PDB file of N, CA and C in Angstrom:
ATOM      1  N   MET A   1      73.686 136.393 180.246  1.00  0.00           N
ATOM      2  CA  MET A   1      73.121 137.703 179.995  1.00  0.00           C
ATOM      3  C   MET A   1      72.414 138.179 181.264  1.00  0.00           C
ATOM      4  N   LYS A   2      72.815 139.279 181.785  1.00  0.00           N
ATOM      5  CA  LYS A   2      72.204 139.843 182.979  1.00  0.00           C
ATOM      6  C   LYS A   2      71.391 141.060 182.583  1.00  0.00           C
ATOM      7  N   ARG A   3      70.202 141.186 183.158  1.00  0.00           N
ATOM      8  CA  ARG A   3      69.369 142.345 182.845  1.00  0.00           C
ATOM      9  C   ARG A   3      70.028 143.608 183.359  1.00  0.00           C
ATOM     10  N   LYS A   4      69.865 144.659 182.604  1.00  0.00           N
ATOM     11  CA  LYS A   4      70.420 145.951 182.997  1.00  0.00           C
ATOM     12  C   LYS A   4      69.641 146.500 184.192  1.00  0.00           C
ATOM     13  N   ALA A   5      70.325 147.182 185.059  1.00  0.00           N
ATOM     14  CA  ALA A   5      69.707 147.694 186.285  1.00  0.00           C
ATOM     15  C   ALA A   5      68.590 148.691 186.006  1.00  0.00           C
ATOM     16  N   ASN A   6      68.672 149.397 184.907  1.00  0.00           N
ATOM     17  CA  ASN A   6      67.680 150.439 184.639  1.00  0.00           C
ATOM     18  C   ASN A   6      66.514 149.942 183.778  1.00  0.00           C
ATOM     19  N   THR A   7      66.351 148.629 183.632  1.00  0.00           N
ATOM     20  CA  THR A   7      65.242 148.105 182.845  1.00  0.00           C
ATOM     21  C   THR A   7      64.014 147.917 183.720  1.00  0.00           C
ATOM     22  N   THR A   8      62.856 147.905 183.084  1.00  0.00           N
ATOM     23  CA  THR A   8      61.605 147.684 183.787  1.00  0.00           C
ATOM     24  C   THR A   8      61.557 146.236 184.269  1.00  0.00           C
ATOM     25  N   PRO A   9      61.119 145.993 185.494  1.00  0.00           N
ATOM     26  CA  PRO A   9      61.017 144.615 185.978  1.00  0.00           C
ATOM     27  C   PRO A   9      60.055 143.806 185.099  1.00  0.00           C
ATOM     28  N   LEU A  10      60.323 142.524 185.001  1.00  0.00           N
ATOM     29  CA  LEU A  10      59.444 141.662 184.220  1.00  0.00           C
ATOM     30  C   LEU A  10      58.080 141.551 184.878  1.00  0.00           C
ATOM     31  N   SER A  11      57.073 141.393 184.050  1.00  0.00           N
ATOM     32  CA  SER A  11      55.713 141.129 184.513  1.00  0.00           C
ATOM     33  C   SER A  11      55.002 140.377 183.405  1.00  0.00           C
ATOM     34  N   LYS A  12      53.894 139.741 183.739  1.00  0.00           N
ATOM     35  CA  LYS A  12      53.123 139.032 182.721  1.00  0.00           C
ATOM     36  C   LYS A  12      52.708 139.982 181.599  1.00  0.00           C
ATOM     37  N   GLU A  13      52.310 141.174 181.963  1.00  0.00           N
ATOM     38  CA  GLU A  13      51.837 142.144 180.973  1.00  0.00           C
ATOM     39  C   GLU A  13      52.940 142.525 179.985  1.00  0.00           C
ATOM     40  N   ILE A  14      54.140 142.761 180.500  1.00  0.00           N
ATOM     41  CA  ILE A  14      55.260 143.142 179.636  1.00  0.00           C
ATOM     42  C   ILE A  14      55.633 141.979 178.716  1.00  0.00           C
ATOM     43  N   ILE A  15      55.661 140.772 179.271  1.00  0.00           N
ATOM     44  CA  ILE A  15      55.997 139.598 178.464  1.00  0.00           C
ATOM     45  C   ILE A  15      54.963 139.398 177.361  1.00  0.00           C
ATOM     46  N   ILE A  16      53.696 139.516 177.686  1.00  0.00           N
ATOM     47  CA  ILE A  16      52.631 139.346 176.689  1.00  0.00           C
ATOM     48  C   ILE A  16      52.751 140.390 175.590  1.00  0.00           C
ATOM     49  N   GLU A  17      53.043 141.616 175.959  1.00  0.00           N
ATOM     50  CA  GLU A  17      53.211 142.675 174.962  1.00  0.00           C
ATOM     51  C   GLU A  17      54.333 142.336 173.982  1.00  0.00           C
ATOM     52  N   VAL A  18      55.467 141.873 174.508  1.00  0.00           N
ATOM     53  CA  VAL A  18      56.595 141.495 173.660  1.00  0.00           C
ATOM     54  C   VAL A  18      56.225 140.299 172.782  1.00  0.00           C
ATOM     55  N   VAL A  19      55.560 139.321 173.356  1.00  0.00           N
ATOM     56  CA  VAL A  19      55.128 138.138 172.591  1.00  0.00           C
ATOM     57  C   VAL A  19      54.249 138.556 171.418  1.00  0.00           C
ATOM     58  N   LEU A  20      53.260 139.375 171.672  1.00  0.00           N
ATOM     59  CA  LEU A  20      52.358 139.807 170.600  1.00  0.00           C
ATOM     60  C   LEU A  20      53.089 140.599 169.523  1.00  0.00           C
ATOM     61  N   ASN A  21      54.017 141.436 169.927  1.00  0.00           N
ATOM     62  CA  ASN A  21      54.812 142.195 168.953  1.00  0.00           C
ATOM     63  C   ASN A  21      55.659 141.276 168.088  1.00  0.00           C
ATOM     64  N   LEU A  22      56.300 140.287 168.722  1.00  0.00           N
ATOM     65  CA  LEU A  22      57.130 139.348 167.966  1.00  0.00           C
ATOM     66  C   LEU A  22      56.292 138.515 166.997  1.00  0.00           C
ATOM     67  N   ILE A  23      55.135 138.063 167.443  1.00  0.00           N
ATOM     68  CA  ILE A  23      54.259 137.280 166.562  1.00  0.00           C
ATOM     69  C   ILE A  23      53.806 138.141 165.386  1.00  0.00           C
ATOM     70  N   ALA A  24      53.496 139.404 165.641  1.00  0.00           N
ATOM     71  CA  ALA A  24      53.087 140.307 164.562  1.00  0.00           C
ATOM     72  C   ALA A  24      54.237 140.532 163.574  1.00  0.00           C
ATOM     73  N   GLU A  25      55.454 140.616 164.080  1.00  0.00           N
ATOM     74  CA  GLU A  25      56.624 140.854 163.227  1.00  0.00           C
ATOM     75  C   GLU A  25      57.054 139.617 162.452  1.00  0.00           C
ATOM     76  N   LYS A  26      57.151 138.477 163.144  1.00  0.00           N
ATOM     77  CA  LYS A  26      57.753 137.285 162.556  1.00  0.00           C
ATOM     78  C   LYS A  26      56.769 136.179 162.206  1.00  0.00           C
ATOM     79  N   GLY A  27      55.585 136.227 162.792  1.00  0.00           N
ATOM     80  CA  GLY A  27      54.613 135.164 162.577  1.00  0.00           C
ATOM     81  C   GLY A  27      54.684 134.119 163.674  1.00  0.00           C
ATOM     82  N   ILE A  28      53.595 133.412 163.851  1.00  0.00           N
ATOM     83  CA  ILE A  28      53.486 132.424 164.925  1.00  0.00           C
ATOM     84  C   ILE A  28      54.418 131.232 164.704  1.00  0.00           C
ATOM     85  N   ASP A  29      54.677 130.891 163.458  1.00  0.00           N
ATOM     86  CA  ASP A  29      55.493 129.714 163.161  1.00  0.00           C
ATOM     87  C   ASP A  29      56.954 129.873 163.566  1.00  0.00           C
ATOM     88  N   THR A  30      57.444 131.085 163.615  1.00  0.00           N
ATOM     89  CA  THR A  30      58.847 131.304 163.986  1.00  0.00           C
ATOM     90  C   THR A  30      59.010 131.876 165.391  1.00  0.00           C
ATOM     91  N   PHE A  31      57.906 132.015 166.095  1.00  0.00           N
ATOM     92  CA  PHE A  31      57.940 132.543 167.465  1.00  0.00           C
ATOM     93  C   PHE A  31      58.743 131.618 168.384  1.00  0.00           C
ATOM     94  N   SER A  32      59.574 132.211 169.250  1.00  0.00           N
ATOM     95  CA  SER A  32      60.310 131.409 170.220  1.00  0.00           C
ATOM     96  C   SER A  32      60.474 132.176 171.536  1.00  0.00           C
ATOM     97  N   ILE A  33      60.551 131.414 172.603  1.00  0.00           N
ATOM     98  CA  ILE A  33      60.785 132.002 173.920  1.00  0.00           C
ATOM     99  C   ILE A  33      62.161 132.665 173.966  1.00  0.00           C
ATOM    100  N   ARG A  34      63.119 132.101 173.260  1.00  0.00           N
ATOM    101  CA  ARG A  34      64.463 132.710 173.215  1.00  0.00           C
ATOM    102  C   ARG A  34      64.408 134.120 172.626  1.00  0.00           C
ATOM    103  N   ASP A  35      63.583 134.315 171.597  1.00  0.00           N
ATOM    104  CA  ASP A  35      63.430 135.655 171.017  1.00  0.00           C
ATOM    105  C   ASP A  35      62.807 136.616 172.021  1.00  0.00           C
ATOM    106  N   VAL A  36      61.824 136.133 172.768  1.00  0.00           N
ATOM    107  CA  VAL A  36      61.194 136.967 173.801  1.00  0.00           C
ATOM    108  C   VAL A  36      62.245 137.366 174.835  1.00  0.00           C
ATOM    109  N   ALA A  37      62.991 136.400 175.304  1.00  0.00           N
ATOM    110  CA  ALA A  37      64.026 136.672 176.310  1.00  0.00           C
ATOM    111  C   ALA A  37      65.068 137.653 175.785  1.00  0.00           C
ATOM    112  N   ARG A  38      65.477 137.462 174.541  1.00  0.00           N
ATOM    113  CA  ARG A  38      66.454 138.368 173.935  1.00  0.00           C
ATOM    114  C   ARG A  38      65.914 139.795 173.916  1.00  0.00           C
ATOM    115  N   ARG A  39      64.657 139.938 173.511  1.00  0.00           N
ATOM    116  CA  ARG A  39      64.033 141.263 173.427  1.00  0.00           C
ATOM    117  C   ARG A  39      63.941 141.910 174.806  1.00  0.00           C
ATOM    118  N   LEU A  40      63.753 141.086 175.839  1.00  0.00           N
ATOM    119  CA  LEU A  40      63.624 141.602 177.206  1.00  0.00           C
ATOM    120  C   LEU A  40      64.959 141.653 177.946  1.00  0.00           C
ATOM    121  N   ASP A  41      66.025 141.254 177.259  1.00  0.00           N
ATOM    122  CA  ASP A  41      67.363 141.265 177.849  1.00  0.00           C
ATOM    123  C   ASP A  41      67.415 140.430 179.129  1.00  0.00           C
ATOM    124  N   THR A  42      66.912 139.199 179.026  1.00  0.00           N
ATOM    125  CA  THR A  42      66.903 138.290 180.165  1.00  0.00           C
ATOM    126  C   THR A  42      67.129 136.867 179.680  1.00  0.00           C
ATOM    127  N   TYR A  43      67.152 135.925 180.587  1.00  0.00           N
ATOM    128  CA  TYR A  43      67.308 134.517 180.241  1.00  0.00           C
ATOM    129  C   TYR A  43      65.957 133.913 179.869  1.00  0.00           C
ATOM    130  N   PRO A  44      65.935 132.945 178.957  1.00  0.00           N
ATOM    131  CA  PRO A  44      64.670 132.282 178.615  1.00  0.00           C
ATOM    132  C   PRO A  44      63.980 131.664 179.830  1.00  0.00           C
ATOM    133  N   THR A  45      64.745 131.142 180.764  1.00  0.00           N
ATOM    134  CA  THR A  45      64.123 130.527 181.943  1.00  0.00           C
ATOM    135  C   THR A  45      63.345 131.536 182.788  1.00  0.00           C
ATOM    136  N   ALA A  46      63.707 132.800 182.710  1.00  0.00           N
ATOM    137  CA  ALA A  46      62.975 133.829 183.463  1.00  0.00           C
ATOM    138  C   ALA A  46      61.537 133.944 182.985  1.00  0.00           C
ATOM    139  N   ILE A  47      61.296 133.691 181.707  1.00  0.00           N
ATOM    140  CA  ILE A  47      59.937 133.754 181.156  1.00  0.00           C
ATOM    141  C   ILE A  47      59.074 132.680 181.798  1.00  0.00           C
ATOM    142  N   TYR A  48      59.671 131.520 182.044  1.00  0.00           N
ATOM    143  CA  TYR A  48      58.919 130.400 182.624  1.00  0.00           C
ATOM    144  C   TYR A  48      58.588 130.610 184.098  1.00  0.00           C
ATOM    145  N   TRP A  49      59.132 131.606 184.721  1.00  0.00           N
ATOM    146  CA  TRP A  49      58.720 131.947 186.087  1.00  0.00           C
ATOM    147  C   TRP A  49      57.308 132.540 186.060  1.00  0.00           C
ATOM    148  N   TYR A  50      56.929 133.102 184.931  1.00  0.00           N
ATOM    149  CA  TYR A  50      55.622 133.737 184.784  1.00  0.00           C
ATOM    150  C   TYR A  50      54.614 132.867 184.033  1.00  0.00           C
ATOM    151  N   PHE A  51      55.106 131.985 183.187  1.00  0.00           N
ATOM    152  CA  PHE A  51      54.249 131.112 182.380  1.00  0.00           C
ATOM    153  C   PHE A  51      54.811 129.700 182.421  1.00  0.00           C
ATOM    154  N   LYS A  52      53.937 128.700 182.557  1.00  0.00           N
ATOM    155  CA  LYS A  52      54.387 127.308 182.681  1.00  0.00           C
ATOM    156  C   LYS A  52      55.041 126.789 181.408  1.00  0.00           C
ATOM    157  N   ASN A  53      54.533 127.191 180.264  1.00  0.00           N
ATOM    158  CA  ASN A  53      55.079 126.685 179.004  1.00  0.00           C
ATOM    159  C   ASN A  53      54.783 127.669 177.876  1.00  0.00           C
ATOM    160  N   LYS A  54      55.234 127.328 176.692  1.00  0.00           N
ATOM    161  CA  LYS A  54      55.084 128.203 175.533  1.00  0.00           C
ATOM    162  C   LYS A  54      53.609 128.370 175.117  1.00  0.00           C
ATOM    163  N   ASN A  55      52.828 127.339 175.348  1.00  0.00           N
ATOM    164  CA  ASN A  55      51.405 127.419 174.972  1.00  0.00           C
ATOM    165  C   ASN A  55      50.691 128.441 175.810  1.00  0.00           C
TER     166      ASN A  55
END
């Protein structure tokens, strides 16, 4: 999956916003980095460039 050219570049702030939205929608127990990556149209490993781990 390659990010679309017209998407906003990733940043900690954007990732956190998506994380909080997903947790609000699905709950903390079903939260996953893969869901965050899917929502941001990127690879899960890209999230780890900004954060060391899921915690």
